Amino acid sequence: MLRIITDFDGPITDVSERYYQVYKYCLETSKHPEQSVKPLDKAEFWQLKRSRVLENQIGIISGLDETQAKTFAQLRRQTVHTPDYFSYDSLAPGAVAALEKVQAAGIDLAVMTMRRVKELDYAFNRYDLGRFFPKNRCYCLKNDYVKTCDIDDKALLMERALVELPSVADTWMIGDTEADIIAAKNHNVKVMAVLCGIRDREQLQLYKPDLIVETLSEAVEILIAKSLSQVA
C-alpha cells in the first residue's frame, strides 16, 4: 500500500491572505502615528515571503527604521497564528478534489502540520476536512506545545508518525517548506515539494526534494499513477 503524508498549510490551504493581513496590521501598528510608510501590495509581499526575506527586512523595505522593524517582526510572530486571522485562510484550488481522489484510490492518507490541535480543528470544521483525516492520521502540535523551530518540530512529528502508523510498502511526504523536506529526508521518506505554498522554487531546490510540482493535485496525480503501476 502507498501512504501519502501531506502538510496542511500550503498544499491544502492558501495562507497568503492571512499573512498579508497580519503584515498590514503589524506595519500600521509599528510605525509612528504621523509616519508615512510604503505598504507592499500582496503580490510583492508574498514574493518576499516565498523567497525567505527576513521579517525585519520586509519592515525596512516598507518604510520602517531598524528599531521599528524589530518591533514589526516580533509583533508579526505573535499575531500570525492568532484566532482572529485564521478566517483569512482559504482552500487551495483543487485541494479537496485531490483528497477525494486519494481516498477513492484507497491510498492511506495522513496530515502533518505545525498547526496546533485547535487550529487544525478550526479548519477541519470550516471546510469539512475531517472526513479525509481520522484522528489516528493527524499529526499536529498540542495546544500547549512550546514551539522551537519548524524544522525540529516537524522532525519530531515525522518520527512519531513512522513509529505509530502501520507499515506500508511506500510513503511519500508532500509539503511546501524546507521543514517538510528535511523531516522526510532525515527519515528516508520520499518527498514532493509543491509551489503553491510559502516557498518558491529556488528555495525548495536548496533542500533537494525528490520532485517539485505546482500543486497538491499534480502531486496526487503522479502518486496515484505510481500506485496503479505498482499494482499492475
Protein backbone atom coordinates (compact mmCIF):
# COMPACT_ATOMS: atom_id res chain seq x y z
CA MET A 1 0.00 0.00 0.00
CA LEU A 2 1.02 3.58 -0.67
CA ARG A 3 0.84 6.23 2.05
CA ILE A 4 0.74 9.99 1.49
CA ILE A 5 1.65 12.28 4.38
CA THR A 6 0.72 15.84 3.47
CA ASP A 7 1.39 19.16 5.08
CA PHE A 8 -1.70 21.28 5.65
CA ASP A 9 -0.85 24.96 5.09
CA GLY A 10 0.34 25.31 1.53
CA PRO A 11 -0.78 22.07 -0.13
CA ILE A 12 -4.35 22.18 1.26
CA THR A 13 -4.88 25.75 2.44
CA ASP A 14 -3.78 29.07 0.97
CA VAL A 15 -2.44 31.20 3.84
CA SER A 16 -1.27 34.15 1.74
CA GLU A 17 -4.18 36.44 2.64
CA ARG A 18 -3.76 35.75 6.37
CA TYR A 19 -0.07 36.56 6.19
CA TYR A 20 -0.77 39.70 4.18
CA GLN A 21 -3.43 40.99 6.57
CA VAL A 22 -1.08 40.39 9.50
CA TYR A 23 1.68 42.23 7.61
CA LYS A 24 -0.55 45.29 7.12
CA TYR A 25 -1.66 45.29 10.76
CA CYS A 26 1.91 44.97 12.06
CA LEU A 27 3.18 47.69 9.73
CA GLU A 28 0.47 50.11 10.82
CA THR A 29 1.00 49.26 14.49
CA SER A 30 4.79 49.57 14.38
CA LYS A 31 5.04 53.00 12.71
CA HIS A 32 4.71 56.39 14.40
CA PRO A 33 1.18 57.88 14.15
CA GLU A 34 2.20 60.53 11.60
CA GLN A 35 4.86 58.46 9.84
CA SER A 36 4.48 57.77 6.13
CA VAL A 37 5.27 54.16 5.21
CA LYS A 38 5.28 52.24 1.93
CA PRO A 39 2.92 49.24 2.22
CA LEU A 40 3.68 46.49 -0.26
CA ASP A 41 0.88 45.11 -2.37
CA LYS A 42 0.03 41.48 -1.77
CA ALA A 43 1.98 40.11 -4.74
CA GLU A 44 5.14 41.99 -3.71
CA PHE A 45 4.80 40.91 -0.10
CA TRP A 46 4.15 37.25 -0.93
CA GLN A 47 7.10 37.13 -3.30
CA LEU A 48 9.37 38.34 -0.49
CA LYS A 49 7.93 35.76 1.91
CA ARG A 50 8.34 32.94 -0.60
CA SER A 51 11.98 33.87 -1.17
CA ARG A 52 12.58 33.92 2.61
CA VAL A 53 13.38 37.60 3.01
CA LEU A 54 13.68 38.26 6.75
CA GLU A 55 10.78 39.89 8.58
CA ASN A 56 12.97 42.79 9.71
CA GLN A 57 13.99 43.44 6.13
CA ILE A 58 10.36 43.41 4.95
CA GLY A 59 9.66 46.05 7.59
CA ILE A 60 12.56 48.19 6.41
CA ILE A 61 11.52 47.82 2.75
CA SER A 62 8.07 49.02 3.86
CA GLY A 63 9.46 52.23 5.37
CA LEU A 64 10.24 51.36 8.99
CA ASP A 65 13.53 52.16 10.67
CA GLU A 66 15.62 49.35 12.17
CA THR A 67 14.15 49.65 15.66
CA GLN A 68 10.61 49.71 14.32
CA ALA A 69 11.41 46.76 12.05
CA LYS A 70 12.41 44.66 15.07
CA THR A 71 9.10 45.54 16.74
CA PHE A 72 7.30 44.72 13.49
CA ALA A 73 8.96 41.29 13.23
CA GLN A 74 8.21 40.41 16.85
CA LEU A 75 4.59 41.52 16.55
CA ARG A 76 4.18 39.51 13.37
CA ARG A 77 5.37 36.32 15.13
CA GLN A 78 2.93 36.95 17.97
CA THR A 79 -0.01 37.66 15.67
CA VAL A 80 0.13 35.42 12.60
CA HIS A 81 -1.24 32.33 14.35
CA THR A 82 -3.91 34.04 16.46
CA PRO A 83 -7.59 33.10 16.04
CA ASP A 84 -8.69 36.47 14.62
CA TYR A 85 -6.68 35.88 11.44
CA PHE A 86 -7.35 32.23 10.56
CA SER A 87 -10.59 33.25 8.86
CA TYR A 88 -8.47 34.78 6.07
CA ASP A 89 -7.24 31.33 5.01
CA SER A 90 -8.89 29.66 2.03
CA LEU A 91 -8.75 26.25 0.43
CA ALA A 92 -6.06 25.83 -2.18
CA PRO A 93 -7.64 25.39 -5.63
CA GLY A 94 -8.28 21.73 -6.36
CA ALA A 95 -7.19 20.54 -2.92
CA VAL A 96 -10.46 18.91 -1.89
CA ALA A 97 -10.82 17.16 -5.25
CA ALA A 98 -7.27 15.86 -4.86
CA LEU A 99 -8.01 14.49 -1.39
CA GLU A 100 -11.15 12.83 -2.73
CA LYS A 101 -9.06 11.12 -5.43
CA VAL A 102 -6.62 9.85 -2.81
CA GLN A 103 -9.47 8.47 -0.75
CA ALA A 104 -11.14 6.85 -3.76
CA ALA A 105 -7.86 5.21 -4.77
CA GLY A 106 -7.55 3.54 -1.37
CA ILE A 107 -4.27 5.27 -0.56
CA ASP A 108 -3.51 5.70 3.13
CA LEU A 109 -3.60 9.42 3.94
CA ALA A 110 -2.21 11.38 6.90
CA VAL A 111 -1.72 15.07 7.63
CA MET A 112 1.36 16.52 9.35
CA THR A 113 1.30 20.18 10.27
CA MET A 114 2.75 22.84 12.54
CA ARG A 115 -0.80 23.89 13.44
CA ARG A 116 -1.96 23.25 16.95
CA VAL A 117 -4.91 20.93 17.58
CA LYS A 118 -7.40 23.80 17.93
CA GLU A 119 -6.10 25.47 14.76
CA LEU A 120 -6.40 22.27 12.74
CA ASP A 121 -9.85 21.56 14.19
CA TYR A 122 -10.98 25.04 13.17
CA ALA A 123 -10.06 24.39 9.55
CA PHE A 124 -11.46 20.85 9.59
CA ASN A 125 -14.81 22.12 10.86
CA ARG A 126 -14.90 25.07 8.48
CA TYR A 127 -14.19 23.03 5.35
CA ASP A 128 -15.37 19.53 6.36
CA LEU A 129 -11.85 18.14 6.03
CA GLY A 130 -12.03 15.74 8.94
CA ARG A 131 -13.62 13.21 6.59
CA PHE A 132 -10.21 12.72 4.99
CA PHE A 133 -8.16 12.51 8.17
CA PRO A 134 -9.28 10.35 11.11
CA LYS A 135 -7.72 11.23 14.44
CA ASN A 136 -5.10 8.48 14.12
CA ARG A 137 -3.89 10.07 10.87
CA CYS A 138 -3.48 13.61 12.26
CA TYR A 139 -0.04 14.77 13.39
CA CYS A 140 -0.03 18.29 14.77
CA LEU A 141 1.12 20.20 17.85
CA LYS A 142 -0.64 20.05 21.20
CA ASN A 143 -2.36 23.27 22.20
CA ASP A 144 0.16 23.89 24.98
CA TYR A 145 3.22 22.83 22.99
CA VAL A 146 6.12 25.29 23.19
CA LYS A 147 7.44 25.64 19.64
CA THR A 148 11.17 25.59 18.95
CA CYS A 149 11.57 25.86 15.18
CA ASP A 150 9.60 24.24 12.37
CA ILE A 151 12.49 22.07 11.20
CA ASP A 152 12.93 20.49 14.63
CA ASP A 153 9.24 20.29 15.50
CA LYS A 154 8.26 18.70 12.19
CA ALA A 155 11.06 16.15 12.50
CA LEU A 156 9.62 15.08 15.85
CA LEU A 157 6.17 14.69 14.30
CA MET A 158 7.62 12.60 11.47
CA GLU A 159 9.47 10.40 13.92
CA ARG A 160 6.29 9.81 15.91
CA ALA A 161 4.23 9.09 12.80
CA LEU A 162 6.64 6.49 11.49
CA VAL A 163 6.57 4.70 14.84
CA GLU A 164 2.78 4.79 15.25
CA LEU A 165 1.46 4.24 11.73
CA PRO A 166 1.12 0.72 10.31
CA SER A 167 3.85 -0.35 7.93
CA VAL A 168 3.26 0.24 4.22
CA ALA A 169 5.25 -0.53 1.09
CA ASP A 170 5.84 3.07 0.11
CA THR A 171 5.50 6.51 1.78
CA TRP A 172 5.62 9.99 0.26
CA MET A 173 5.58 13.36 2.00
CA ILE A 174 4.00 16.35 0.27
CA GLY A 175 4.93 19.78 1.62
CA ASP A 176 5.85 23.35 0.77
CA THR A 177 8.78 24.19 3.06
CA GLU A 178 12.29 23.16 3.97
CA ALA A 179 10.91 21.71 7.22
CA ASP A 180 8.83 19.19 5.26
CA ILE A 181 11.74 18.22 3.03
CA ILE A 182 14.25 17.85 5.86
CA ALA A 183 11.85 15.87 8.08
CA ALA A 184 11.15 13.46 5.24
CA LYS A 185 14.72 13.03 4.01
CA ASN A 186 16.10 12.53 7.53
CA HIS A 187 13.71 9.60 7.94
CA ASN A 188 14.23 8.12 4.47
CA VAL A 189 10.78 9.18 3.27
CA LYS A 190 10.48 10.36 -0.32
CA VAL A 191 9.26 13.94 -0.59
CA MET A 192 7.46 16.01 -3.19
CA ALA A 193 7.55 19.80 -2.78
CA VAL A 194 4.69 21.97 -4.04
CA LEU A 195 5.00 25.53 -5.35
CA CYS A 196 1.54 26.63 -4.17
CA GLY A 197 2.79 27.42 -0.67
CA ILE A 198 5.18 29.70 1.15
CA ARG A 199 8.45 28.84 -0.64
CA ASP A 200 9.46 29.49 -4.24
CA ARG A 201 11.26 27.02 -6.50
CA GLU A 202 14.72 28.43 -5.77
CA GLN A 203 14.28 27.96 -2.01
CA LEU A 204 12.87 24.45 -2.37
CA GLN A 205 15.65 23.34 -4.69
CA LEU A 206 18.22 24.13 -2.00
CA TYR A 207 16.92 21.16 0.02
CA LYS A 208 16.77 18.69 -2.88
CA PRO A 209 13.28 17.17 -2.70
CA ASP A 210 12.70 14.14 -4.91
CA LEU A 211 10.33 16.16 -7.06
CA ILE A 212 8.93 19.70 -7.29
CA VAL A 213 5.39 20.17 -8.63
CA GLU A 214 2.93 23.03 -8.80
CA THR A 215 0.05 21.83 -6.60
CA LEU A 216 -1.32 19.07 -4.41
CA SER A 217 -3.47 18.00 -7.37
CA GLU A 218 -0.40 17.43 -9.53
CA ALA A 219 1.36 15.54 -6.74
CA VAL A 220 -1.67 13.30 -6.23
CA GLU A 221 -1.99 12.52 -9.94
CA ILE A 222 1.64 11.39 -10.02
CA LEU A 223 1.32 9.24 -6.92
CA ILE A 224 -1.97 7.63 -7.99
CA ALA A 225 -0.37 6.69 -11.30
CA LYS A 226 2.58 5.29 -9.37
CA SER A 227 0.27 3.28 -7.12
CA LEU A 228 -1.63 1.83 -10.09
CA SER A 229 1.60 0.85 -11.83
CA GLN A 230 2.79 -0.96 -8.70
CA VAL A 231 -0.48 -2.90 -8.52
CA ALA A 232 -0.21 -3.79 -12.20
